[in-house]
Amino acid sequence: MDLNKKVSGENKLKKIFGIGPTGAIISLFLFSIFVWADSMIKLSIVTESASLIKIIGIVLIVFGLGLHFWSFSTLRSWWVDDKLCTRGPFKHFRHPMYAAWITFICPGIALYLNSWFYLFWVFLLHLLWHKLVIKEEIIMIDTFGDMYKDYARRTGRFFPRMMNYSN
């Protein structure tokens, strides 16, 4: 298989944006529902130590933004060369840009808002994104074949894989 195989024109936008725009729209829609519902229900706060939880939330947000920009910077070479990117944050995550948002930034927002309700939103986001990203992974398998399958076995989807399960 030609590892430098060109992505077809119809997949060009999918290659650049993946499922990101679709996931972002659904995530923001869910967030707006949770904001509305939270204003109606007023569920309990995570902790009375609001300043501590806000600091933890801010740290997660900053870390997530750093991961997002590092991922974007690293991925540019894949966009140009049509190669499977397995370096930088892609060495640990298959989808570090999405992970930045659903594993760090959104939980940071939930903690900053100090609400159990928003933590449930984050849980739903993970379920949603695990389903959405399957389409993108199918494109990657179609493009890179066994090379991507091997990469997927070595890396986590949204969390770094702690143990290597390669055969």
C-alpha atoms as a PDB file:
ATOM      1  CA  MET A   1       0.000   0.000   0.000  1.00  0.00           C
ATOM      2  CA  ASP A   2       1.275   3.471  -0.843  1.00  0.00           C
ATOM      3  CA  LEU A   3       1.704   5.201   2.515  1.00  0.00           C
ATOM      4  CA  ASN A   4       1.660   8.597   0.828  1.00  0.00           C
ATOM      5  CA  LYS A   5      -1.671   7.821  -0.835  1.00  0.00           C
ATOM      6  CA  LYS A   6      -3.549  11.004  -1.735  1.00  0.00           C
ATOM      7  CA  VAL A   7      -6.916  11.598  -0.148  1.00  0.00           C
ATOM      8  CA  SER A   8      -9.686  11.962  -2.747  1.00  0.00           C
ATOM      9  CA  GLY A   9     -11.215  15.379  -3.409  1.00  0.00           C
ATOM     10  CA  GLU A  10     -14.497  14.404  -1.773  1.00  0.00           C
ATOM     11  CA  ASN A  11     -12.651  13.576   1.441  1.00  0.00           C
ATOM     12  CA  LYS A  12     -10.564  16.780   1.373  1.00  0.00           C
ATOM     13  CA  LEU A  13     -12.857  18.694   3.748  1.00  0.00           C
ATOM     14  CA  LYS A  14     -13.370  15.610   5.910  1.00  0.00           C
ATOM     15  CA  LYS A  15      -9.595  15.293   6.027  1.00  0.00           C
ATOM     16  CA  ILE A  16      -9.154  18.866   7.193  1.00  0.00           C
ATOM     17  CA  PHE A  17     -12.066  19.128   9.620  1.00  0.00           C
ATOM     18  CA  GLY A  18     -13.021  15.530  10.389  1.00  0.00           C
ATOM     19  CA  ILE A  19     -16.126  15.271  12.494  1.00  0.00           C
ATOM     20  CA  GLY A  20     -15.090  18.348  14.482  1.00  0.00           C
ATOM     21  CA  PRO A  21     -17.727  20.796  13.160  1.00  0.00           C
ATOM     22  CA  THR A  22     -20.558  18.279  13.567  1.00  0.00           C
ATOM     23  CA  GLY A  23     -19.414  17.334  17.050  1.00  0.00           C
ATOM     24  CA  ALA A  24     -18.936  20.974  18.046  1.00  0.00           C
ATOM     25  CA  ILE A  25     -22.453  21.925  16.942  1.00  0.00           C
ATOM     26  CA  ILE A  26     -24.008  18.992  18.794  1.00  0.00           C
ATOM     27  CA  SER A  27     -21.846  19.686  21.868  1.00  0.00           C
ATOM     28  CA  LEU A  28     -22.838  23.365  21.939  1.00  0.00           C
ATOM     29  CA  PHE A  29     -26.492  22.445  21.449  1.00  0.00           C
ATOM     30  CA  LEU A  30     -26.276  20.031  24.402  1.00  0.00           C
ATOM     31  CA  PHE A  31     -24.505  22.698  26.455  1.00  0.00           C
ATOM     32  CA  SER A  32     -27.284  25.208  25.752  1.00  0.00           C
ATOM     33  CA  ILE A  33     -29.874  22.634  26.856  1.00  0.00           C
ATOM     34  CA  PHE A  34     -27.886  22.029  30.047  1.00  0.00           C
ATOM     35  CA  VAL A  35     -27.579  25.779  30.721  1.00  0.00           C
ATOM     36  CA  TRP A  36     -31.343  26.158  30.330  1.00  0.00           C
ATOM     37  CA  ALA A  37     -32.106  23.067  32.430  1.00  0.00           C
ATOM     38  CA  ASP A  38     -29.624  24.104  35.131  1.00  0.00           C
ATOM     39  CA  SER A  39     -31.291  27.503  35.398  1.00  0.00           C
ATOM     40  CA  MET A  40     -34.603  25.715  35.957  1.00  0.00           C
ATOM     41  CA  ILE A  41     -33.458  22.901  38.260  1.00  0.00           C
ATOM     42  CA  LYS A  42     -30.490  24.411  40.160  1.00  0.00           C
ATOM     43  CA  LEU A  43     -28.744  21.153  41.048  1.00  0.00           C
ATOM     44  CA  SER A  44     -26.242  21.029  43.861  1.00  0.00           C
ATOM     45  CA  ILE A  45     -22.737  22.364  43.539  1.00  0.00           C
ATOM     46  CA  VAL A  46     -19.678  20.094  43.405  1.00  0.00           C
ATOM     47  CA  THR A  47     -17.986  21.697  46.422  1.00  0.00           C
ATOM     48  CA  GLU A  48     -18.292  24.639  48.782  1.00  0.00           C
ATOM     49  CA  SER A  49     -14.622  25.450  48.043  1.00  0.00           C
ATOM     50  CA  ALA A  50     -15.561  27.382  44.919  1.00  0.00           C
ATOM     51  CA  SER A  51     -12.174  29.066  44.527  1.00  0.00           C
ATOM     52  CA  LEU A  52     -10.291  25.733  44.544  1.00  0.00           C
ATOM     53  CA  ILE A  53     -12.635  24.100  42.033  1.00  0.00           C
ATOM     54  CA  LYS A  54     -12.449  27.182  39.778  1.00  0.00           C
ATOM     55  CA  ILE A  55      -8.632  27.037  39.839  1.00  0.00           C
ATOM     56  CA  ILE A  56      -8.699  23.342  38.914  1.00  0.00           C
ATOM     57  CA  GLY A  57     -11.164  24.179  36.129  1.00  0.00           C
ATOM     58  CA  ILE A  58      -8.925  26.949  34.786  1.00  0.00           C
ATOM     59  CA  VAL A  59      -5.867  24.646  34.854  1.00  0.00           C
ATOM     60  CA  LEU A  60      -7.782  22.017  32.858  1.00  0.00           C
ATOM     61  CA  ILE A  61      -8.938  24.633  30.348  1.00  0.00           C
ATOM     62  CA  VAL A  62      -5.416  26.013  29.871  1.00  0.00           C
ATOM     63  CA  PHE A  63      -3.951  22.498  29.541  1.00  0.00           C
ATOM     64  CA  GLY A  64      -6.667  21.587  27.022  1.00  0.00           C
ATOM     65  CA  LEU A  65      -6.040  24.706  24.937  1.00  0.00           C
ATOM     66  CA  GLY A  66      -2.315  23.931  24.926  1.00  0.00           C
ATOM     67  CA  LEU A  67      -3.016  20.355  23.795  1.00  0.00           C
ATOM     68  CA  HIS A  68      -5.376  21.616  21.092  1.00  0.00           C
ATOM     69  CA  PHE A  69      -2.853  24.065  19.625  1.00  0.00           C
ATOM     70  CA  TRP A  70       0.027  21.556  19.914  1.00  0.00           C
ATOM     71  CA  SER A  71      -2.122  18.994  18.067  1.00  0.00           C
ATOM     72  CA  PHE A  72      -3.076  21.462  15.361  1.00  0.00           C
ATOM     73  CA  SER A  73       0.554  22.477  14.871  1.00  0.00           C
ATOM     74  CA  THR A  74       1.690  18.846  14.703  1.00  0.00           C
ATOM     75  CA  LEU A  75      -1.092  17.792  12.324  1.00  0.00           C
ATOM     76  CA  ARG A  76      -0.229  20.380   9.673  1.00  0.00           C
ATOM     77  CA  SER A  77       2.460  18.090   8.219  1.00  0.00           C
ATOM     78  CA  TRP A  78      -0.126  15.330   7.722  1.00  0.00           C
ATOM     79  CA  TRP A  79      -2.394  17.727   5.851  1.00  0.00           C
ATOM     80  CA  VAL A  80       0.473  18.690   3.545  1.00  0.00           C
ATOM     81  CA  ASP A  81       2.139  15.296   3.070  1.00  0.00           C
ATOM     82  CA  ASP A  82      -0.904  12.968   3.366  1.00  0.00           C
ATOM     83  CA  LYS A  83       0.952  10.836   5.917  1.00  0.00           C
ATOM     84  CA  LEU A  84      -0.355   9.264   9.083  1.00  0.00           C
ATOM     85  CA  CYS A  85       0.607  11.575  11.918  1.00  0.00           C
ATOM     86  CA  THR A  86       1.958   9.571  14.870  1.00  0.00           C
ATOM     87  CA  ARG A  87       4.207  12.117  16.552  1.00  0.00           C
ATOM     88  CA  GLY A  88       3.682  14.847  19.117  1.00  0.00           C
ATOM     89  CA  PRO A  89       0.378  14.380  20.922  1.00  0.00           C
ATOM     90  CA  PHE A  90      -0.668  11.856  18.246  1.00  0.00           C
ATOM     91  CA  LYS A  91       1.873   9.491  19.748  1.00  0.00           C
ATOM     92  CA  HIS A  92      -0.454   9.121  22.756  1.00  0.00           C
ATOM     93  CA  PHE A  93      -3.966   9.958  21.457  1.00  0.00           C
ATOM     94  CA  ARG A  94      -5.601   9.142  18.126  1.00  0.00           C
ATOM     95  CA  HIS A  95      -7.735  12.282  18.442  1.00  0.00           C
ATOM     96  CA  PRO A  96      -5.864  14.776  20.635  1.00  0.00           C
ATOM     97  CA  MET A  97      -7.764  17.829  19.352  1.00  0.00           C
ATOM     98  CA  TYR A  98     -11.084  16.292  20.322  1.00  0.00           C
ATOM     99  CA  ALA A  99      -9.546  14.993  23.553  1.00  0.00           C
ATOM    100  CA  ALA A 100      -8.407  18.521  24.360  1.00  0.00           C
ATOM    101  CA  TRP A 101     -12.022  19.613  24.364  1.00  0.00           C
ATOM    102  CA  ILE A 102     -13.923  16.691  25.832  1.00  0.00           C
ATOM    103  CA  THR A 103     -11.273  15.464  28.276  1.00  0.00           C
ATOM    104  CA  PHE A 104      -9.853  18.776  29.483  1.00  0.00           C
ATOM    105  CA  ILE A 105     -11.615  21.978  28.354  1.00  0.00           C
ATOM    106  CA  CYS A 106     -15.248  20.890  28.854  1.00  0.00           C
ATOM    107  CA  PRO A 107     -14.542  19.270  32.250  1.00  0.00           C
ATOM    108  CA  GLY A 108     -12.664  22.455  33.143  1.00  0.00           C
ATOM    109  CA  ILE A 109     -15.742  24.494  32.258  1.00  0.00           C
ATOM    110  CA  ALA A 110     -17.936  22.133  34.296  1.00  0.00           C
ATOM    111  CA  LEU A 111     -15.633  22.466  37.307  1.00  0.00           C
ATOM    112  CA  TYR A 112     -15.382  26.229  36.889  1.00  0.00           C
ATOM    113  CA  LEU A 113     -19.188  26.386  36.947  1.00  0.00           C
ATOM    114  CA  ASN A 114     -19.057  24.131  40.055  1.00  0.00           C
ATOM    115  CA  SER A 115     -22.067  22.057  39.042  1.00  0.00           C
ATOM    116  CA  TRP A 116     -22.743  18.331  39.029  1.00  0.00           C
ATOM    117  CA  PHE A 117     -25.139  18.974  36.194  1.00  0.00           C
ATOM    118  CA  TYR A 118     -22.364  20.142  33.858  1.00  0.00           C
ATOM    119  CA  LEU A 119     -20.224  17.159  34.818  1.00  0.00           C
ATOM    120  CA  PHE A 120     -23.075  14.998  33.502  1.00  0.00           C
ATOM    121  CA  TRP A 121     -22.864  17.049  30.268  1.00  0.00           C
ATOM    122  CA  VAL A 122     -19.176  16.068  30.004  1.00  0.00           C
ATOM    123  CA  PHE A 123     -20.080  12.397  30.480  1.00  0.00           C
ATOM    124  CA  LEU A 124     -22.631  12.663  27.645  1.00  0.00           C
ATOM    125  CA  LEU A 125     -20.044  14.379  25.439  1.00  0.00           C
ATOM    126  CA  HIS A 126     -17.691  11.429  25.805  1.00  0.00           C
ATOM    127  CA  LEU A 127     -20.418   8.995  24.801  1.00  0.00           C
ATOM    128  CA  LEU A 128     -21.382  11.197  21.848  1.00  0.00           C
ATOM    129  CA  TRP A 129     -17.816  11.737  20.589  1.00  0.00           C
ATOM    130  CA  HIS A 130     -16.960   8.031  20.868  1.00  0.00           C
ATOM    131  CA  LYS A 131     -19.843   7.390  18.454  1.00  0.00           C
ATOM    132  CA  LEU A 132     -19.065  10.327  16.133  1.00  0.00           C
ATOM    133  CA  VAL A 133     -15.372   9.576  15.750  1.00  0.00           C
ATOM    134  CA  ILE A 134     -16.037   6.113  14.321  1.00  0.00           C
ATOM    135  CA  LYS A 135     -16.774   7.714  10.918  1.00  0.00           C
ATOM    136  CA  GLU A 136     -13.423   9.461  10.973  1.00  0.00           C
ATOM    137  CA  GLU A 137     -11.608   6.277  11.984  1.00  0.00           C
ATOM    138  CA  ILE A 138     -13.209   4.428   9.054  1.00  0.00           C
ATOM    139  CA  ILE A 139     -11.793   7.081   6.702  1.00  0.00           C
ATOM    140  CA  MET A 140      -8.382   6.631   8.327  1.00  0.00           C
ATOM    141  CA  ILE A 141      -8.559   2.845   7.882  1.00  0.00           C
ATOM    142  CA  ASP A 142      -9.613   3.312   4.245  1.00  0.00           C
ATOM    143  CA  THR A 143      -6.690   5.691   3.726  1.00  0.00           C
ATOM    144  CA  PHE A 144      -3.930   3.972   5.727  1.00  0.00           C
ATOM    145  CA  GLY A 145      -5.150   0.382   6.173  1.00  0.00           C
ATOM    146  CA  ASP A 146      -3.179  -1.842   8.540  1.00  0.00           C
ATOM    147  CA  MET A 147      -0.841   0.995   9.424  1.00  0.00           C
ATOM    148  CA  TYR A 148      -3.770   2.852  11.056  1.00  0.00           C
ATOM    149  CA  LYS A 149      -5.114  -0.327  12.684  1.00  0.00           C
ATOM    150  CA  ASP A 150      -1.718  -0.921  14.310  1.00  0.00           C
ATOM    151  CA  TYR A 151      -1.564   2.716  15.393  1.00  0.00           C
ATOM    152  CA  ALA A 152      -5.079   2.455  16.881  1.00  0.00           C
ATOM    153  CA  ARG A 153      -4.046  -0.602  18.923  1.00  0.00           C
ATOM    154  CA  ARG A 154      -1.118   1.356  20.400  1.00  0.00           C
ATOM    155  CA  THR A 155      -2.923   4.596  21.214  1.00  0.00           C
ATOM    156  CA  GLY A 156      -5.960   5.691  23.141  1.00  0.00           C
ATOM    157  CA  ARG A 157      -8.830   7.474  21.473  1.00  0.00           C
ATOM    158  CA  PHE A 158      -9.322  10.367  23.938  1.00  0.00           C
ATOM    159  CA  PHE A 159      -7.075   9.256  26.807  1.00  0.00           C
ATOM    160  CA  PRO A 160      -3.471   8.115  26.477  1.00  0.00           C
ATOM    161  CA  ARG A 161      -3.230   4.331  26.567  1.00  0.00           C
ATOM    162  CA  MET A 162      -1.445   3.336  29.748  1.00  0.00           C
ATOM    163  CA  MET A 163      -0.497  -0.129  28.551  1.00  0.00           C
ATOM    164  CA  ASN A 164       0.577  -1.124  25.061  1.00  0.00           C
ATOM    165  CA  TYR A 165      -1.677  -3.877  23.712  1.00  0.00           C
ATOM    166  CA  SER A 166       0.267  -4.547  20.530  1.00  0.00           C
ATOM    167  CA  ASN A 167       0.567  -8.189  19.519  1.00  0.00           C
END
